[in-house]
């Protein structure tokens, strides 16, 4: 399966994604270092896990620090055209929440 992840998604990673410890580093480097330390899973791996449950085209990704854990928020358009947001534990890949945009 081919994933449609834009390289620009890395630019959306938030400064506090790694606990807000070093504002001097670019956001993608903070996330990259957290992956290297084993604190979070790589984005490609998390998207692969999500695609097994919610196949579709990824349009936006954010990495946030929420309630004491790092969370990937992934917005995608499903194969049937629905816009959904999936929140995943960045350390384990577990799906924490799914929101469907029902603006019909």
Protein backbone atom coordinates (compact mmCIF):
# COMPACT_ATOMS: atom_id res chain seq x y z
CA UNK A 1 0.00 0.00 0.00
CA UNK A 2 1.32 3.44 -0.91
CA UNK A 3 0.95 6.27 1.61
CA UNK A 4 0.38 9.82 0.50
CA UNK A 5 2.31 11.80 3.09
CA UNK A 6 3.56 15.19 2.07
CA UNK A 7 7.09 16.02 3.21
CA UNK A 8 5.74 19.35 4.40
CA UNK A 9 3.83 17.53 7.15
CA UNK A 10 6.99 17.49 9.21
CA UNK A 11 6.86 21.27 9.32
CA UNK A 12 3.60 20.99 11.26
CA UNK A 13 5.22 19.31 14.24
CA UNK A 14 4.75 21.51 17.27
CA UNK A 15 7.63 22.88 19.35
CA UNK A 16 6.27 21.27 22.50
CA UNK A 17 6.15 17.85 20.85
CA UNK A 18 9.24 16.74 22.72
CA UNK A 19 8.10 18.25 25.98
CA UNK A 20 9.07 21.78 24.99
CA UNK A 21 12.64 21.33 26.21
CA UNK A 22 14.53 23.16 23.47
CA UNK A 23 12.89 25.93 21.50
CA UNK A 24 16.17 26.55 19.64
CA UNK A 25 15.80 23.39 17.53
CA UNK A 26 13.52 23.27 14.48
CA UNK A 27 10.33 21.31 15.17
CA UNK A 28 11.20 18.39 12.90
CA UNK A 29 14.54 17.98 14.70
CA UNK A 30 12.78 17.82 18.08
CA UNK A 31 10.55 15.05 16.74
CA UNK A 32 13.50 13.33 15.04
CA UNK A 33 15.45 13.29 18.31
CA UNK A 34 12.44 11.93 20.22
CA UNK A 35 12.26 9.09 17.68
CA UNK A 36 16.01 8.47 18.02
CA UNK A 37 15.66 8.25 21.82
CA UNK A 38 12.80 5.77 21.41
CA UNK A 39 10.28 8.12 23.02
CA UNK A 40 7.93 8.14 20.02
CA UNK A 41 7.37 6.02 16.93
CA UNK A 42 8.37 7.31 13.50
CA UNK A 43 5.57 9.06 11.66
CA UNK A 44 5.66 6.59 8.76
CA UNK A 45 5.16 3.68 11.16
CA UNK A 46 2.23 5.36 12.93
CA UNK A 47 0.57 6.24 9.62
CA UNK A 48 0.99 2.63 8.48
CA UNK A 49 -0.75 1.42 11.64
CA UNK A 50 -3.55 3.96 11.19
CA UNK A 51 -4.03 3.03 7.52
CA UNK A 52 -4.83 -0.55 8.55
CA UNK A 53 -7.89 0.74 10.42
CA UNK A 54 -8.67 3.97 8.53
CA UNK A 55 -7.40 3.81 4.93
CA UNK A 56 -7.29 7.12 3.12
CA UNK A 57 -5.18 10.07 2.04
CA UNK A 58 -3.36 11.89 4.85
CA UNK A 59 -3.72 15.66 4.55
CA UNK A 60 -2.31 16.96 7.85
CA UNK A 61 -0.31 15.71 10.82
CA UNK A 62 0.47 17.39 14.12
CA UNK A 63 2.48 16.10 17.04
CA UNK A 64 1.23 17.47 20.33
CA UNK A 65 1.92 16.98 24.01
CA UNK A 66 -1.43 16.36 25.68
CA UNK A 67 -2.35 15.02 29.12
CA UNK A 68 1.24 13.98 29.75
CA UNK A 69 1.74 12.03 26.52
CA UNK A 70 2.77 12.83 22.98
CA UNK A 71 -0.08 12.44 20.50
CA UNK A 72 -0.06 12.34 16.71
CA UNK A 73 -3.18 14.03 15.32
CA UNK A 74 -3.69 12.79 11.78
CA UNK A 75 -6.33 14.24 9.46
CA UNK A 76 -7.24 12.21 6.41
CA UNK A 77 -9.82 11.84 3.71
CA UNK A 78 -11.19 8.31 3.71
CA UNK A 79 -11.72 6.25 0.58
CA UNK A 80 -15.43 7.17 0.71
CA UNK A 81 -14.67 10.92 0.93
CA UNK A 82 -15.15 11.57 4.65
CA UNK A 83 -12.79 13.85 6.57
CA UNK A 84 -11.66 12.27 9.83
CA UNK A 85 -9.11 13.07 12.54
CA UNK A 86 -7.39 10.21 14.31
CA UNK A 87 -5.48 10.79 17.55
CA UNK A 88 -2.78 8.22 18.25
CA UNK A 89 -0.41 7.71 21.16
CA UNK A 90 2.94 8.67 19.61
CA UNK A 91 4.82 6.18 21.80
CA UNK A 92 2.68 3.11 21.16
CA UNK A 93 0.60 3.83 18.05
CA UNK A 94 -2.62 3.09 19.94
CA UNK A 95 -5.66 4.93 18.58
CA UNK A 96 -6.95 7.22 21.31
CA UNK A 97 -9.82 8.95 19.51
CA UNK A 98 -11.41 9.27 16.09
CA UNK A 99 -13.53 12.22 15.00
CA UNK A 100 -15.60 12.19 11.82
CA UNK A 101 -16.49 15.52 10.20
CA UNK A 102 -20.22 15.21 9.53
CA UNK A 103 -20.91 18.56 7.86
CA UNK A 104 -23.59 17.09 5.60
